[in-house]
Amino acid sequence: MISAGIVGVCTALHLQRDGHTVTLVDPEEPGQQTSFGNACSISSASVMPTALPGLWRKLPGMILDPAGPVNIRWPYLPRLVPFLLAALRNTTRARLERNSSAIAALSHRAVGAYVELLKETGAEGFMRRNGALKVYETEAAFETATLERELLARNDCTFEILEGAELAQLEPGLAPIFEKAMFLPDSAAITNPGRMIKSLAETFARRGGRVVRDAALDADLGPRRAVLTRTKRLETEIIVLAAGPWSGPLSKKLGAPVKLEAERGYHVMLEQPPVPLERFVYFAERKFVLTPHEEGLRLTTGVEYAKVGAAPDYRRVRAMLPHAAAVMKGLEPRERSIWCGNRPTLPDSVPVIGRSPIHADVYLGFGHSHLGLTLGALTGRILADLAAGRPPEIDLTPYRPDR
């Protein structure tokens, strides 16, 4: 099992439950890279790919705007061109609807997969089930989200439209500046993703699982299969690759070359205000998220395309601190900690979940973009079903690596 992020740990637990002896291989502690810094959301109503109609008109401005929500490091742009061209091919209405349906088919099942896994591992206390919000300061901004609401309805996602007074009852700590909100009642959240994954990994280890702190560099796909690390040859019957943004080179080796990019994300940890926020909230005009975390209030924002190991650029996320103060009553926007990490993303925003097109008993689960935490438990369950020869619970054609 290559990776000890959320997908890797969940897959390892499901495989272990089926009787497999499992080794997790990761250079870092479980859950301390990509999975550590997300917005804590388990979104049951995710339907929006990144590549939307009209992207080709907006892309030049997005690239040139130094303060915009998307940043592309200029030296990285030539490397990114094939990915961008593939993303632009996914902006037709037909592909939008196809990709949206593929994402929704997974997100519908996400909360249930976590309920099952967390109950089975005694970790139910990490989940909070009180929905999510998207809020709009003006009617004009609300109208710009018409496409999203159409896709939600098309994919049978539950949502409610709230007026300002109804929103104030639900989240009294918000400033009284919002005219409309969309409430997604079936969504959930994790109170501390990093600590939850560490807890799940401890359960895995107590049940006999092995964790190897090393980097998987290659795979021997001969009769005696093995994962090759910097220092070890780990022989195995099954290989599962779920290494997030680091999956690309090994995926190619395992028979599935894909246009995988590392989409960098940022968060800042703040203190909760006097009237605390109770659930995930996306602020539509300002393009950032506030979400409650057991250590305070987490602000997440921005998309950056750069080399995985490039130095962080915290200017954009820090520029959101005055906006956080503007949307929450009594919030003191003092930075407690700051973080940058890498998300694995594909041009159509649809993850790879399934068997290698070439090699038997090689399974792939990566490319979840902003939904890695949301889809971790479900992806693990699906991959374990495939390894056991059980029919998957959904048609996996949209998630094939060679689609």
Protein backbone atom coordinates (compact mmCIF):
# COMPACT_ATOMS: atom_id res chain seq x y z
CA MET A 1 0.00 0.00 0.00
CA ILE A 2 1.83 3.08 -1.26
CA SER A 3 0.81 6.13 0.82
CA ALA A 4 -0.32 6.78 4.36
CA GLY A 5 -2.66 9.64 3.52
CA ILE A 6 -6.41 9.41 3.94
CA VAL A 7 -6.95 7.19 0.88
CA GLY A 8 -4.04 4.93 1.76
CA VAL A 9 -4.99 4.46 5.41
CA CYS A 10 -8.67 3.84 4.62
CA THR A 11 -7.75 1.33 1.91
CA ALA A 12 -5.34 -0.42 4.27
CA LEU A 13 -8.06 -0.82 6.91
CA HIS A 14 -10.53 -2.25 4.40
CA LEU A 15 -7.93 -4.66 2.99
CA GLN A 16 -6.97 -5.68 6.51
CA ARG A 17 -10.62 -6.39 7.34
CA ASP A 18 -10.68 -8.76 4.37
CA GLY A 19 -7.78 -10.73 5.83
CA HIS A 20 -4.83 -9.22 3.95
CA THR A 21 -1.51 -8.58 5.65
CA VAL A 22 -0.87 -4.94 4.72
CA THR A 23 2.22 -2.73 4.72
CA LEU A 24 1.82 1.05 4.40
CA VAL A 25 4.79 2.76 2.72
CA ASP A 26 5.20 6.51 3.11
CA PRO A 27 8.17 8.79 3.84
CA GLU A 28 6.09 10.77 6.35
CA GLU A 29 3.88 9.96 9.32
CA PRO A 30 0.30 8.94 8.43
CA GLY A 31 -1.94 11.85 7.49
CA GLN A 32 0.70 14.56 7.82
CA GLN A 33 1.02 15.71 4.21
CA THR A 34 -1.87 16.54 1.83
CA SER A 35 -4.49 15.06 4.14
CA PHE A 36 -3.41 17.25 7.07
CA GLY A 37 -4.32 20.69 5.77
CA ASN A 38 -7.69 20.44 4.03
CA ALA A 39 -10.97 22.23 4.80
CA CYS A 40 -12.26 19.31 6.96
CA SER A 41 -15.29 18.78 4.73
CA ILE A 42 -17.04 15.52 3.84
CA SER A 43 -19.13 16.94 1.02
CA SER A 44 -22.14 14.92 -0.03
CA ALA A 45 -23.06 17.51 -2.66
CA SER A 46 -19.90 18.04 -4.68
CA VAL A 47 -20.79 18.29 -8.35
CA MET A 48 -18.58 21.05 -9.78
CA PRO A 49 -15.48 20.18 -11.80
CA THR A 50 -12.74 22.81 -11.92
CA ALA A 51 -12.92 23.05 -15.72
CA LEU A 52 -16.12 24.98 -16.43
CA PRO A 53 -17.55 26.51 -19.61
CA GLY A 54 -15.90 29.86 -20.33
CA LEU A 55 -12.60 28.91 -18.69
CA TRP A 56 -10.69 29.70 -21.89
CA ARG A 57 -11.85 33.35 -21.67
CA LYS A 58 -10.98 33.66 -17.99
CA LEU A 59 -7.66 31.82 -17.99
CA PRO A 60 -5.40 34.66 -19.23
CA GLY A 61 -6.76 37.03 -16.59
CA MET A 62 -6.43 34.37 -13.91
CA ILE A 63 -2.79 33.81 -14.83
CA LEU A 64 -1.98 37.53 -14.89
CA ASP A 65 -3.82 38.57 -11.70
CA PRO A 66 -1.26 38.48 -8.86
CA ALA A 67 -4.01 38.72 -6.24
CA GLY A 68 -6.48 36.34 -7.85
CA PRO A 69 -7.66 32.99 -6.45
CA VAL A 70 -5.52 31.05 -8.96
CA ASN A 71 -1.77 31.46 -9.16
CA ILE A 72 0.53 29.85 -11.71
CA ARG A 73 4.23 30.27 -11.10
CA TRP A 74 5.66 31.55 -14.39
CA PRO A 75 8.64 29.13 -14.51
CA TYR A 76 6.15 26.26 -14.14
CA LEU A 77 3.83 27.35 -16.97
CA PRO A 78 5.53 25.36 -19.79
CA ARG A 79 5.28 22.21 -17.68
CA LEU A 80 1.59 22.92 -17.06
CA VAL A 81 0.53 23.54 -20.69
CA PRO A 82 -0.52 19.90 -21.50
CA PHE A 83 -2.63 19.81 -18.33
CA LEU A 84 -4.27 23.17 -19.13
CA LEU A 85 -5.08 22.11 -22.70
CA ALA A 86 -6.66 18.90 -21.40
CA ALA A 87 -8.64 20.92 -18.86
CA LEU A 88 -9.92 23.24 -21.60
CA ARG A 89 -11.15 20.20 -23.56
CA ASN A 90 -13.30 19.37 -20.55
CA THR A 91 -15.20 22.68 -20.61
CA THR A 92 -17.88 21.66 -23.11
CA ARG A 93 -21.39 21.25 -21.72
CA ALA A 94 -21.40 17.52 -22.50
CA ARG A 95 -18.14 16.89 -20.65
CA LEU A 96 -19.20 19.14 -17.80
CA GLU A 97 -22.33 17.07 -17.23
CA ARG A 98 -20.42 13.80 -17.57
CA ASN A 99 -17.72 14.85 -15.12
CA SER A 100 -20.25 16.32 -12.72
CA SER A 101 -22.21 13.06 -12.63
CA ALA A 102 -19.05 11.07 -12.01
CA ILE A 103 -18.09 13.27 -9.06
CA ALA A 104 -21.62 13.24 -7.65
CA ALA A 105 -21.88 9.44 -7.81
CA LEU A 106 -18.95 9.29 -5.41
CA SER A 107 -19.83 12.21 -3.15
CA HIS A 108 -23.37 10.85 -2.57
CA ARG A 109 -21.81 7.83 -0.87
CA ALA A 110 -19.04 9.63 1.01
CA VAL A 111 -20.72 10.26 4.37
CA GLY A 112 -22.10 6.73 4.57
CA ALA A 113 -18.65 5.26 3.89
CA TYR A 114 -17.21 7.29 6.78
CA VAL A 115 -20.04 6.38 9.13
CA GLU A 116 -19.28 2.70 8.48
CA LEU A 117 -15.49 2.99 8.80
CA LEU A 118 -15.41 5.28 11.84
CA LYS A 119 -17.92 3.12 13.71
CA GLU A 120 -15.93 0.00 12.94
CA THR A 121 -12.70 1.61 14.20
CA GLY A 122 -14.21 3.41 17.21
CA ALA A 123 -13.46 6.84 15.75
CA GLU A 124 -17.02 8.21 15.42
CA GLY A 125 -16.18 11.23 17.55
CA PHE A 126 -14.22 12.81 14.72
CA MET A 127 -17.31 13.34 12.54
CA ARG A 128 -19.67 16.30 12.80
CA ARG A 129 -22.92 15.99 10.80
CA ASN A 130 -24.51 19.43 10.62
CA GLY A 131 -24.28 20.33 6.94
CA ALA A 132 -22.38 23.00 5.03
CA LEU A 133 -23.10 26.50 3.69
CA LYS A 134 -22.30 28.63 0.68
CA VAL A 135 -23.10 32.29 1.33
CA TYR A 136 -23.64 35.25 -0.98
CA GLU A 137 -23.49 38.94 -0.16
CA THR A 138 -25.53 40.00 -3.19
CA GLU A 139 -28.30 38.66 -5.39
CA ALA A 140 -25.94 39.05 -8.35
CA ALA A 141 -23.42 36.68 -6.81
CA PHE A 142 -26.19 34.21 -6.02
CA GLU A 143 -27.29 34.28 -9.66
CA THR A 144 -23.78 33.45 -10.84
CA ALA A 145 -24.15 30.10 -9.04
CA THR A 146 -27.17 29.08 -11.15
CA LEU A 147 -25.13 26.44 -13.01
CA GLU A 148 -24.09 24.80 -9.75
CA ARG A 149 -27.68 24.62 -8.56
CA GLU A 150 -28.73 23.11 -11.88
CA LEU A 151 -26.08 20.42 -11.53
CA LEU A 152 -27.04 19.76 -7.92
CA ALA A 153 -30.65 19.26 -8.94
CA ARG A 154 -29.70 17.10 -11.94
CA ASN A 155 -27.65 14.84 -9.66
CA ASP A 156 -30.32 14.57 -6.92
CA CYS A 157 -28.32 16.51 -4.32
CA THR A 158 -30.33 18.02 -1.47
CA PHE A 159 -29.97 21.75 -0.94
CA GLU A 160 -32.01 24.57 0.58
CA ILE A 161 -31.97 28.27 -0.27
CA LEU A 162 -31.92 30.52 2.78
CA GLU A 163 -32.61 34.23 3.08
CA GLY A 164 -30.46 36.45 5.27
CA ALA A 165 -32.63 36.13 8.39
CA GLU A 166 -32.73 32.33 8.12
CA LEU A 167 -28.96 32.24 7.73
CA ALA A 168 -28.55 34.39 10.84
CA GLN A 169 -30.53 31.84 12.85
CA LEU A 170 -28.36 28.99 11.60
CA GLU A 171 -25.01 30.80 12.01
CA PRO A 172 -25.46 33.78 14.35
CA GLY A 173 -21.72 34.50 14.36
CA LEU A 174 -21.76 35.59 10.72
CA ALA A 175 -21.78 39.30 10.01
CA PRO A 176 -25.21 40.52 8.79
CA ILE A 177 -24.02 41.14 5.23
CA PHE A 178 -25.40 38.13 3.39
CA GLU A 179 -28.54 38.21 1.28
CA LYS A 180 -28.68 34.54 0.31
CA ALA A 181 -27.19 31.20 1.27
CA MET A 182 -27.28 27.64 0.04
CA PHE A 183 -27.49 25.05 2.82
CA LEU A 184 -26.28 21.51 2.08
CA PRO A 185 -27.77 19.51 4.96
CA ASP A 186 -26.32 16.10 4.13
CA SER A 187 -22.68 17.18 4.22
CA ALA A 188 -20.49 16.45 7.22
CA ALA A 189 -17.05 17.41 8.51
CA ILE A 190 -14.07 16.01 10.40
CA THR A 191 -13.06 17.92 13.52
CA ASN A 192 -9.33 17.29 12.99
CA PRO A 193 -8.34 15.38 9.82
CA GLY A 194 -4.68 14.96 10.74
CA ARG A 195 -5.49 13.52 14.17
CA MET A 196 -8.24 11.29 12.75
CA ILE A 197 -5.89 9.73 10.21
CA LYS A 198 -3.28 9.20 12.90
CA SER A 199 -5.94 7.46 15.02
CA LEU A 200 -6.98 5.24 12.10
CA ALA A 201 -3.34 4.37 11.42
CA GLU A 202 -2.88 3.40 15.09
CA THR A 203 -5.88 1.08 14.79
CA PHE A 204 -4.34 -0.40 11.65
CA ALA A 205 -1.05 -1.00 13.49
CA ARG A 206 -2.80 -2.56 16.51
CA ARG A 207 -4.47 -5.02 14.16
CA GLY A 208 -1.13 -6.18 12.83
CA GLY A 209 -0.50 -3.67 10.06
CA ARG A 210 3.02 -2.50 9.28
CA VAL A 211 4.04 1.09 8.55
CA VAL A 212 7.33 1.65 6.71
CA ARG A 213 8.68 5.22 6.79
CA ASP A 214 10.35 5.26 3.38
CA ALA A 215 9.71 6.54 -0.14
CA ALA A 216 8.40 4.10 -2.74
CA LEU A 217 10.53 4.72 -5.84
CA ASP A 218 9.75 1.83 -8.16
CA ALA A 219 7.97 -1.49 -8.51
CA ASP A 220 9.14 -4.89 -9.67
CA LEU A 221 6.27 -6.30 -11.73
CA GLY A 222 7.82 -9.69 -12.39
CA PRO A 223 6.63 -13.02 -10.98
CA ARG A 224 7.76 -11.99 -7.48
CA ARG A 225 6.27 -8.55 -7.28
CA ALA A 226 7.70 -5.94 -4.98
CA VAL A 227 7.62 -2.29 -4.07
CA LEU A 228 11.12 -0.83 -4.13
CA THR A 229 11.94 1.90 -1.64
CA ARG A 230 15.14 3.79 -1.00
CA THR A 231 16.33 1.02 1.31
CA LYS A 232 14.01 -1.98 0.96
CA ARG A 233 12.48 -4.51 -1.40
CA LEU A 234 8.96 -5.21 -0.09
CA GLU A 235 7.55 -8.30 -1.78
CA THR A 236 3.78 -8.34 -2.17
CA GLU A 237 0.89 -10.01 -3.97
CA ILE A 238 -1.10 -6.78 -4.42
CA ILE A 239 0.13 -3.23 -5.08
CA VAL A 240 -2.13 -0.27 -4.31
CA LEU A 241 -0.96 3.20 -5.33
CA ALA A 242 -2.66 6.08 -3.53
CA ALA A 243 0.18 8.57 -3.19
CA GLY A 244 -1.79 11.69 -4.09
CA PRO A 245 0.27 14.29 -5.98
CA TRP A 246 3.30 11.97 -5.88
CA SER A 247 1.48 9.21 -7.80
CA GLY A 248 2.37 10.26 -11.35
CA PRO A 249 5.73 8.56 -12.01
CA LEU A 250 4.75 5.30 -10.32
CA SER A 251 1.36 5.30 -12.02
CA LYS A 252 3.13 5.38 -15.38
CA LYS A 253 5.34 2.50 -14.28
CA LEU A 254 2.21 0.58 -13.23
CA GLY A 255 0.63 0.94 -16.67
CA ALA A 256 -1.38 4.14 -16.27
CA PRO A 257 0.26 7.35 -17.55
CA VAL A 258 -1.97 10.26 -16.56
CA LYS A 259 -1.86 14.07 -16.64
CA LEU A 260 -1.64 14.46 -12.88
CA GLU A 261 -0.74 17.84 -11.41
CA ALA A 262 -0.01 19.06 -7.90
CA GLU A 263 -2.51 21.78 -7.07
CA ARG A 264 -1.15 23.57 -4.04
CA GLY A 265 -3.47 24.77 -1.30
CA TYR A 266 -3.00 26.91 1.81
CA HIS A 267 -4.59 27.33 5.21
CA VAL A 268 -4.26 29.63 8.22
CA MET A 269 -5.42 28.66 11.70
CA LEU A 270 -7.27 31.36 13.69
CA GLU A 271 -9.00 31.56 17.04
CA GLN A 272 -12.76 31.00 17.02
CA PRO A 273 -14.66 34.29 17.53
CA PRO A 274 -16.94 34.86 20.59
CA VAL A 275 -19.89 33.35 18.69
CA PRO A 276 -18.16 30.37 17.08
CA LEU A 277 -18.75 29.12 13.58
CA GLU A 278 -20.53 25.75 13.65
CA ARG A 279 -20.01 24.38 10.14
CA PHE A 280 -18.09 24.68 6.86
CA VAL A 281 -18.87 27.99 5.10
CA TYR A 282 -17.75 29.03 1.61
CA PHE A 283 -17.83 32.78 0.99
CA ALA A 284 -18.69 33.07 -2.68
CA GLU A 285 -17.57 36.59 -3.55
CA ARG A 286 -14.42 36.47 -1.45
CA LYS A 287 -13.50 32.92 -2.53
CA PHE A 288 -12.34 31.43 0.72
CA VAL A 289 -13.59 28.94 3.31
CA LEU A 290 -13.88 29.08 7.07
CA THR A 291 -14.40 25.81 8.86
CA PRO A 292 -14.38 24.86 12.54
CA HIS A 293 -11.49 22.70 13.68
CA GLU A 294 -10.91 21.31 17.14
CA GLU A 295 -7.92 23.67 17.45
CA GLY A 296 -9.77 26.80 16.30
CA LEU A 297 -11.00 28.15 12.98
CA ARG A 298 -9.35 27.11 9.72
CA LEU A 299 -9.24 29.48 6.75
CA THR A 300 -8.49 27.85 3.40
CA THR A 301 -8.18 29.53 0.04
CA GLY A 302 -6.46 29.69 -3.27
CA VAL A 303 -5.16 27.38 -5.95
CA GLU A 304 -1.53 27.46 -6.99
CA TYR A 305 0.26 25.49 -9.66
CA ALA A 306 3.95 25.11 -8.98
CA LYS A 307 6.61 22.46 -8.57
CA VAL A 308 5.73 20.17 -5.65
CA GLY A 309 8.79 21.20 -3.66
CA ALA A 310 8.63 24.93 -4.44
CA ALA A 311 8.80 27.33 -1.51
CA PRO A 312 5.33 28.42 -0.25
CA ASP A 313 3.96 31.84 -1.16
CA TYR A 314 1.71 32.83 1.73
CA ARG A 315 0.71 36.27 0.41
CA ARG A 316 -2.67 35.24 -0.96
CA VAL A 317 -3.87 33.35 2.09
CA ARG A 318 -2.68 36.11 4.42
CA ALA A 319 -4.51 38.64 2.27
CA MET A 320 -7.73 36.85 3.27
CA LEU A 321 -7.36 37.68 6.98
CA PRO A 322 -9.10 41.10 6.74
CA HIS A 323 -11.89 39.41 4.79
CA ALA A 324 -12.31 36.85 7.56
CA ALA A 325 -12.68 39.69 10.05
CA ALA A 326 -15.30 41.27 7.79
CA VAL A 327 -17.53 38.19 7.60
CA MET A 328 -17.44 37.04 11.26
CA LYS A 329 -18.58 39.04 14.27
CA GLY A 330 -15.75 39.74 16.69
CA LEU A 331 -13.14 37.70 14.86
CA GLU A 332 -9.55 38.71 15.63
CA PRO A 333 -7.63 37.69 12.50
CA ARG A 334 -4.43 36.73 14.26
CA GLU A 335 -2.48 33.96 12.56
CA ARG A 336 -1.82 31.03 14.88
CA SER A 337 -0.22 28.79 12.27
CA ILE A 338 0.06 28.59 8.50
CA TRP A 339 0.39 25.66 6.10
CA CYS A 340 0.92 24.81 2.44
CA GLY A 341 0.34 21.43 0.83
CA ASN A 342 -0.20 19.70 -2.51
CA ARG A 343 -3.44 18.22 -3.84
CA PRO A 344 -3.50 15.70 -6.70
CA THR A 345 -5.67 16.93 -9.56
CA LEU A 346 -6.59 15.72 -13.04
CA PRO A 347 -7.88 17.80 -15.99
CA ASP A 348 -11.47 16.57 -15.62
CA SER A 349 -11.51 16.74 -11.77
CA VAL A 350 -12.50 13.05 -11.68
CA PRO A 351 -10.22 10.75 -9.67
CA VAL A 352 -8.57 7.56 -10.84
CA ILE A 353 -10.11 4.60 -9.00
CA GLY A 354 -9.66 1.07 -10.30
CA ARG A 355 -7.31 -1.59 -11.63
CA SER A 356 -4.24 -0.94 -13.71
CA PRO A 357 -5.13 -1.34 -17.40
CA ILE A 358 -2.10 -3.62 -17.84
CA HIS A 359 -1.06 -5.33 -14.62
CA ALA A 360 -3.21 -7.74 -12.62
CA ASP A 361 -3.51 -7.12 -8.88
CA VAL A 362 -2.35 -3.52 -9.21
CA TYR A 363 -4.89 -0.95 -8.03
CA LEU A 364 -4.91 2.84 -8.27
CA GLY A 365 -6.69 5.49 -6.18
CA PHE A 366 -5.55 9.08 -6.58
CA GLY A 367 -6.35 12.42 -8.26
CA HIS A 368 -9.17 13.44 -5.90
CA SER A 369 -8.36 17.18 -6.13
CA HIS A 370 -10.36 19.05 -3.43
CA LEU A 371 -12.22 15.87 -2.45
CA GLY A 372 -9.42 13.71 -1.05
CA LEU A 373 -10.76 13.78 2.48
CA THR A 374 -14.37 13.53 1.28
CA LEU A 375 -13.72 10.41 -0.79
CA GLY A 376 -11.02 8.68 1.26
CA ALA A 377 -13.21 6.11 3.02
CA LEU A 378 -15.25 5.34 -0.09
CA THR A 379 -12.19 4.95 -2.31
CA GLY A 380 -10.68 2.56 0.21
CA ARG A 381 -13.85 0.47 0.28
CA ILE A 382 -14.02 0.30 -3.53
CA LEU A 383 -10.37 -0.70 -3.92
CA ALA A 384 -10.75 -3.42 -1.29
CA ASP A 385 -13.85 -4.72 -3.09
CA LEU A 386 -11.87 -4.96 -6.34
CA ALA A 387 -9.00 -6.77 -4.63
CA ALA A 388 -11.47 -9.24 -3.10
CA GLY A 389 -13.27 -9.86 -6.39
CA ARG A 390 -16.49 -8.27 -5.11
CA PRO A 391 -18.50 -6.24 -7.65
CA PRO A 392 -17.91 -2.53 -7.02
CA GLU A 393 -20.91 -0.61 -5.72
CA ILE A 394 -20.87 1.77 -8.69
CA ASP A 395 -19.82 1.60 -12.33
CA LEU A 396 -16.11 2.45 -12.32
CA THR A 397 -15.89 3.29 -16.03
CA PRO A 398 -15.72 7.09 -15.42
CA TYR A 399 -12.73 6.61 -13.08
CA ARG A 400 -10.59 4.39 -15.28
CA PRO A 401 -7.00 5.62 -15.60
CA ASP A 402 -7.16 5.09 -19.38
CA ARG A 403 -10.47 6.91 -19.90
